[in-house]
Amino acid sequence: MASGIDWGNWGRYPKEYNPSVHGSFDPARYYGKADTAFGDVKIGELGAWVSRREKGPVKLAQMIGRAYWRWQHKYVLPKKAGVAPFFQVTCLAMAFFYAINYPKLKHHGHMKYH
């Protein structure tokens, strides 16, 4: 069965990572070729910017993993982290459960009596 996943690189560092150049490995960093940040892209250049992106389920999973580690480094792992990550996870869970229960809840506003 042929798939687009490189199983020989499973569980290893990214191919672009070079310890002598990059130093210690950081899972929140993208080691590929640097490109224009999304916030710096002009509306007219958006199509070309999207076409330069590497797409696919593996790249999406890597992007989500990097975002998770950036969030961990910013809110959870500092010595004086505080309660911000607790409230962020709580609000995310509330929004998620509201979204999955919305089909049952949307008819409650039209009822005359509870």
N, C-alpha and C. Protein backbone atom coordinates (compact mmCIF):
# COMPACT_ATOMS: atom_id res chain seq x y z
N MET A 1 0.84 -1.17 0.00
CA MET A 1 0.00 0.00 0.00
C MET A 1 0.90 1.24 0.00
N ALA A 2 0.73 2.08 -0.97
CA ALA A 2 1.56 3.27 -1.10
C ALA A 2 0.87 4.45 -0.44
N SER A 3 1.58 5.12 0.45
CA SER A 3 1.05 6.32 1.08
C SER A 3 2.11 7.41 0.98
N GLY A 4 1.69 8.66 1.19
CA GLY A 4 2.60 9.79 1.10
C GLY A 4 3.39 10.03 2.36
N ILE A 5 3.25 9.18 3.37
CA ILE A 5 3.94 9.38 4.65
C ILE A 5 5.29 8.68 4.61
N ASP A 6 6.32 9.40 5.03
CA ASP A 6 7.66 8.84 5.10
C ASP A 6 7.82 8.13 6.44
N TRP A 7 7.55 6.83 6.48
CA TRP A 7 7.59 6.08 7.73
C TRP A 7 9.03 5.87 8.22
N GLY A 8 10.02 6.06 7.36
CA GLY A 8 11.40 5.91 7.78
C GLY A 8 11.86 7.05 8.67
N ASN A 9 11.16 8.19 8.65
CA ASN A 9 11.52 9.35 9.45
C ASN A 9 10.61 9.50 10.66
N TRP A 10 9.80 8.48 10.94
CA TRP A 10 8.83 8.55 12.03
C TRP A 10 9.55 8.60 13.38
N GLY A 11 9.23 9.60 14.20
CA GLY A 11 9.83 9.72 15.52
C GLY A 11 11.23 10.31 15.54
N ARG A 12 11.69 10.82 14.43
CA ARG A 12 13.02 11.42 14.36
C ARG A 12 12.89 12.93 14.19
N TYR A 13 14.03 13.60 14.24
CA TYR A 13 14.03 15.04 14.02
C TYR A 13 13.66 15.34 12.57
N PRO A 14 13.15 16.56 12.30
CA PRO A 14 12.84 16.92 10.91
C PRO A 14 14.10 16.88 10.04
N LYS A 15 13.90 16.63 8.76
CA LYS A 15 15.03 16.53 7.83
C LYS A 15 15.81 17.85 7.75
N GLU A 16 15.11 18.97 7.92
CA GLU A 16 15.75 20.28 7.79
C GLU A 16 16.57 20.66 9.03
N TYR A 17 16.42 19.94 10.13
CA TYR A 17 17.11 20.26 11.38
C TYR A 17 18.57 19.84 11.31
N ASN A 18 19.46 20.78 11.64
CA ASN A 18 20.89 20.53 11.68
C ASN A 18 21.41 20.99 13.04
N PRO A 19 21.82 20.07 13.93
CA PRO A 19 22.22 20.48 15.28
C PRO A 19 23.40 21.45 15.31
N SER A 20 24.31 21.37 14.35
CA SER A 20 25.45 22.28 14.37
C SER A 20 25.05 23.70 13.97
N VAL A 21 23.96 23.84 13.22
CA VAL A 21 23.50 25.16 12.80
C VAL A 21 22.44 25.70 13.77
N HIS A 22 21.47 24.87 14.14
CA HIS A 22 20.32 25.32 14.91
C HIS A 22 20.48 25.18 16.42
N GLY A 23 21.47 24.46 16.88
CA GLY A 23 21.62 24.26 18.32
C GLY A 23 20.67 23.18 18.82
N SER A 24 20.24 23.33 20.07
CA SER A 24 19.34 22.32 20.64
C SER A 24 17.99 22.36 19.94
N PHE A 25 17.33 21.22 19.86
CA PHE A 25 16.07 21.09 19.13
C PHE A 25 14.94 21.75 19.90
N ASP A 26 14.13 22.53 19.20
CA ASP A 26 12.95 23.17 19.78
C ASP A 26 11.74 22.71 18.98
N PRO A 27 10.79 21.97 19.59
CA PRO A 27 9.64 21.48 18.84
C PRO A 27 8.69 22.58 18.39
N ALA A 28 8.82 23.79 18.92
CA ALA A 28 7.94 24.89 18.54
C ALA A 28 8.46 25.65 17.32
N ARG A 29 9.62 25.30 16.83
CA ARG A 29 10.24 26.04 15.72
C ARG A 29 10.10 25.28 14.41
N TYR A 30 9.88 26.03 13.33
CA TYR A 30 9.84 25.45 11.99
C TYR A 30 11.24 25.54 11.40
N TYR A 31 11.81 24.41 11.00
CA TYR A 31 13.18 24.37 10.51
C TYR A 31 13.28 24.41 8.99
N GLY A 32 12.16 24.58 8.31
CA GLY A 32 12.19 24.66 6.86
C GLY A 32 12.64 26.04 6.39
N LYS A 33 12.52 26.27 5.08
CA LYS A 33 12.92 27.54 4.49
C LYS A 33 12.00 28.65 5.00
N ALA A 34 12.59 29.75 5.44
CA ALA A 34 11.81 30.87 5.96
C ALA A 34 11.03 31.54 4.84
N ASP A 35 9.82 31.99 5.16
CA ASP A 35 8.97 32.67 4.19
C ASP A 35 8.32 33.86 4.88
N THR A 36 7.59 34.65 4.12
CA THR A 36 6.90 35.81 4.66
C THR A 36 5.87 35.36 5.69
N ALA A 37 5.84 36.04 6.83
CA ALA A 37 4.85 35.73 7.85
C ALA A 37 3.45 36.08 7.35
N PHE A 38 2.44 35.36 7.83
CA PHE A 38 1.07 35.58 7.36
C PHE A 38 0.62 37.02 7.64
N GLY A 39 1.03 37.59 8.74
CA GLY A 39 0.65 38.95 9.07
C GLY A 39 1.26 40.00 8.15
N ASP A 40 2.33 39.66 7.44
CA ASP A 40 2.99 40.60 6.53
C ASP A 40 2.56 40.44 5.08
N VAL A 41 1.68 39.48 4.80
CA VAL A 41 1.25 39.22 3.42
C VAL A 41 0.18 40.22 3.03
N LYS A 42 0.32 40.81 1.83
CA LYS A 42 -0.68 41.73 1.31
C LYS A 42 -1.80 40.92 0.64
N ILE A 43 -2.96 41.51 0.51
CA ILE A 43 -4.13 40.80 -0.04
C ILE A 43 -3.84 40.29 -1.45
N GLY A 44 -3.18 41.08 -2.27
CA GLY A 44 -2.88 40.67 -3.64
C GLY A 44 -1.90 39.51 -3.72
N GLU A 45 -1.06 39.35 -2.70
CA GLU A 45 -0.05 38.28 -2.69
C GLU A 45 -0.54 37.02 -1.98
N LEU A 46 -1.78 37.02 -1.50
CA LEU A 46 -2.28 35.91 -0.69
C LEU A 46 -2.34 34.60 -1.47
N GLY A 47 -2.78 34.65 -2.74
CA GLY A 47 -2.85 33.44 -3.56
C GLY A 47 -1.49 32.80 -3.77
N ALA A 48 -0.49 33.63 -4.08
CA ALA A 48 0.87 33.10 -4.28
C ALA A 48 1.44 32.57 -2.97
N TRP A 49 1.12 33.24 -1.86
CA TRP A 49 1.62 32.79 -0.56
C TRP A 49 1.03 31.43 -0.20
N VAL A 50 -0.26 31.24 -0.44
CA VAL A 50 -0.91 29.95 -0.14
C VAL A 50 -0.36 28.86 -1.05
N SER A 51 -0.07 29.18 -2.31
CA SER A 51 0.44 28.16 -3.23
C SER A 51 1.85 27.70 -2.84
N ARG A 52 2.61 28.53 -2.12
CA ARG A 52 3.95 28.13 -1.67
C ARG A 52 3.92 27.23 -0.44
N ARG A 53 2.80 27.14 0.22
CA ARG A 53 2.69 26.30 1.43
C ARG A 53 2.74 24.83 1.06
N GLU A 54 3.37 24.04 1.92
CA GLU A 54 3.32 22.59 1.76
C GLU A 54 2.03 22.11 2.42
N LYS A 55 1.23 21.36 1.67
CA LYS A 55 -0.08 20.95 2.16
C LYS A 55 -0.14 19.44 2.34
N GLY A 56 -1.01 19.00 3.21
CA GLY A 56 -1.20 17.58 3.44
C GLY A 56 -1.46 17.30 4.90
N PRO A 57 -1.92 16.10 5.21
CA PRO A 57 -2.24 15.78 6.61
C PRO A 57 -1.01 15.77 7.52
N VAL A 58 0.13 15.34 7.01
CA VAL A 58 1.34 15.32 7.84
C VAL A 58 1.78 16.75 8.16
N LYS A 59 1.77 17.62 7.17
CA LYS A 59 2.16 19.02 7.38
C LYS A 59 1.18 19.71 8.33
N LEU A 60 -0.12 19.37 8.22
CA LEU A 60 -1.11 19.94 9.14
C LEU A 60 -0.85 19.47 10.57
N ALA A 61 -0.54 18.20 10.75
CA ALA A 61 -0.23 17.68 12.08
C ALA A 61 1.03 18.33 12.64
N GLN A 62 2.04 18.56 11.80
CA GLN A 62 3.26 19.23 12.26
C GLN A 62 2.97 20.67 12.67
N MET A 63 2.11 21.35 11.91
CA MET A 63 1.74 22.72 12.23
C MET A 63 1.00 22.78 13.57
N ILE A 64 0.08 21.86 13.80
CA ILE A 64 -0.66 21.82 15.06
C ILE A 64 0.28 21.52 16.22
N GLY A 65 1.23 20.62 16.00
CA GLY A 65 2.21 20.31 17.05
C GLY A 65 3.07 21.50 17.40
N ARG A 66 3.51 22.26 16.38
CA ARG A 66 4.31 23.45 16.66
C ARG A 66 3.50 24.49 17.41
N ALA A 67 2.22 24.68 17.03
CA ALA A 67 1.36 25.64 17.73
C ALA A 67 1.15 25.22 19.18
N TYR A 68 0.97 23.93 19.41
CA TYR A 68 0.80 23.43 20.78
C TYR A 68 2.05 23.71 21.61
N TRP A 69 3.22 23.45 21.05
CA TRP A 69 4.45 23.69 21.81
C TRP A 69 4.70 25.17 22.03
N ARG A 70 4.31 26.04 21.07
CA ARG A 70 4.44 27.48 21.29
C ARG A 70 3.55 27.92 22.45
N TRP A 71 2.33 27.37 22.49
CA TRP A 71 1.41 27.68 23.59
C TRP A 71 1.99 27.19 24.91
N GLN A 72 2.55 25.98 24.92
CA GLN A 72 3.17 25.42 26.13
C GLN A 72 4.31 26.32 26.62
N HIS A 73 5.19 26.74 25.70
CA HIS A 73 6.33 27.58 26.08
C HIS A 73 5.88 28.92 26.64
N LYS A 74 4.78 29.46 26.09
CA LYS A 74 4.34 30.79 26.50
C LYS A 74 3.54 30.78 27.80
N TYR A 75 2.64 29.79 27.97
CA TYR A 75 1.71 29.85 29.09
C TYR A 75 1.92 28.79 30.17
N VAL A 76 2.36 27.60 29.84
CA VAL A 76 2.39 26.50 30.79
C VAL A 76 3.77 26.30 31.41
N LEU A 77 4.82 26.35 30.62
CA LEU A 77 6.15 25.98 31.09
C LEU A 77 6.93 27.04 31.86
N PRO A 78 6.59 28.35 31.79
CA PRO A 78 7.35 29.32 32.59
C PRO A 78 7.23 29.02 34.09
N LYS A 79 8.23 29.46 34.86
CA LYS A 79 8.23 29.17 36.30
C LYS A 79 7.02 29.79 37.00
N LYS A 80 6.65 31.00 36.61
CA LYS A 80 5.48 31.65 37.20
C LYS A 80 4.37 31.71 36.15
N ALA A 81 3.79 30.57 35.86
CA ALA A 81 2.83 30.47 34.77
C ALA A 81 1.49 31.11 35.10
N GLY A 82 1.00 30.98 36.31
CA GLY A 82 -0.28 31.56 36.67
C GLY A 82 -1.44 30.65 36.26
N VAL A 83 -2.63 31.23 36.23
CA VAL A 83 -3.84 30.45 35.96
C VAL A 83 -4.34 30.61 34.53
N ALA A 84 -3.62 31.36 33.70
CA ALA A 84 -4.08 31.59 32.32
C ALA A 84 -4.33 30.31 31.55
N PRO A 85 -3.44 29.30 31.57
CA PRO A 85 -3.72 28.10 30.79
C PRO A 85 -4.97 27.36 31.26
N PHE A 86 -5.24 27.38 32.57
CA PHE A 86 -6.44 26.74 33.08
C PHE A 86 -7.69 27.38 32.48
N PHE A 87 -7.74 28.72 32.49
CA PHE A 87 -8.91 29.41 31.95
C PHE A 87 -9.00 29.26 30.43
N GLN A 88 -7.86 29.22 29.74
CA GLN A 88 -7.89 29.03 28.29
C GLN A 88 -8.45 27.66 27.93
N VAL A 89 -8.01 26.63 28.62
CA VAL A 89 -8.52 25.27 28.35
C VAL A 89 -9.99 25.18 28.73
N THR A 90 -10.38 25.81 29.84
CA THR A 90 -11.78 25.78 30.26
C THR A 90 -12.67 26.46 29.23
N CYS A 91 -12.28 27.64 28.74
CA CYS A 91 -13.08 28.34 27.73
C CYS A 91 -13.14 27.57 26.42
N LEU A 92 -12.03 26.96 26.04
CA LEU A 92 -12.02 26.15 24.82
C LEU A 92 -12.96 24.95 24.96
N ALA A 93 -12.95 24.30 26.12
CA ALA A 93 -13.84 23.16 26.36
C ALA A 93 -15.30 23.60 26.35
N MET A 94 -15.59 24.76 26.95
CA MET A 94 -16.97 25.26 26.94
C MET A 94 -17.45 25.53 25.52
N ALA A 95 -16.62 26.17 24.71
CA ALA A 95 -17.00 26.45 23.32
C ALA A 95 -17.16 25.16 22.52
N PHE A 96 -16.28 24.19 22.74
CA PHE A 96 -16.37 22.91 22.03
C PHE A 96 -17.66 22.18 22.38
N PHE A 97 -17.98 22.07 23.66
CA PHE A 97 -19.19 21.35 24.06
C PHE A 97 -20.45 22.10 23.67
N TYR A 98 -20.42 23.43 23.64
CA TYR A 98 -21.56 24.18 23.13
C TYR A 98 -21.77 23.88 21.65
N ALA A 99 -20.68 23.83 20.89
CA ALA A 99 -20.79 23.56 19.45
C ALA A 99 -21.33 22.16 19.18
N ILE A 100 -20.90 21.16 19.94
CA ILE A 100 -21.40 19.80 19.65
C ILE A 100 -22.81 19.60 20.18
N ASN A 101 -23.26 20.42 21.15
CA ASN A 101 -24.63 20.30 21.67
C ASN A 101 -25.58 21.30 21.03
N TYR A 102 -25.12 22.15 20.13
CA TYR A 102 -25.96 23.18 19.54
C TYR A 102 -27.19 22.62 18.82
N PRO A 103 -27.10 21.51 18.07
CA PRO A 103 -28.32 20.99 17.44
C PRO A 103 -29.44 20.69 18.44
N LYS A 104 -29.12 20.29 19.65
CA LYS A 104 -30.14 20.04 20.66
C LYS A 104 -30.60 21.33 21.33
N LEU A 105 -29.71 22.31 21.45
CA LEU A 105 -30.02 23.53 22.18
C LEU A 105 -30.74 24.59 21.35
N LYS A 106 -30.64 24.54 20.03
CA LYS A 106 -31.16 25.64 19.22
C LYS A 106 -32.68 25.75 19.26
N HIS A 107 -33.38 24.68 19.60
CA HIS A 107 -34.84 24.72 19.63
C HIS A 107 -35.37 25.24 20.97
N HIS A 108 -34.54 25.36 21.99
CA HIS A 108 -35.00 25.79 23.30
C HIS A 108 -35.44 27.24 23.31
N GLY A 109 -34.89 28.08 22.45
CA GLY A 109 -35.28 29.48 22.42
C GLY A 109 -36.68 29.70 21.87
N HIS A 110 -37.22 28.75 21.13
CA HIS A 110 -38.54 28.89 20.52
C HIS A 110 -39.65 28.33 21.40
N MET A 111 -39.32 27.74 22.54
CA MET A 111 -40.32 27.14 23.40
C MET A 111 -40.97 28.20 24.28
N LYS A 112 -42.29 28.05 24.49
CA LYS A 112 -43.02 29.01 25.30
C LYS A 112 -42.79 28.75 26.78
N TYR A 113 -42.80 27.49 27.17
CA TYR A 113 -42.60 27.11 28.57
C TYR A 113 -41.38 26.20 28.66
N HIS A 114 -40.73 26.22 29.79
CA HIS A 114 -39.55 25.36 29.97
C HIS A 114 -40.00 24.08 30.48
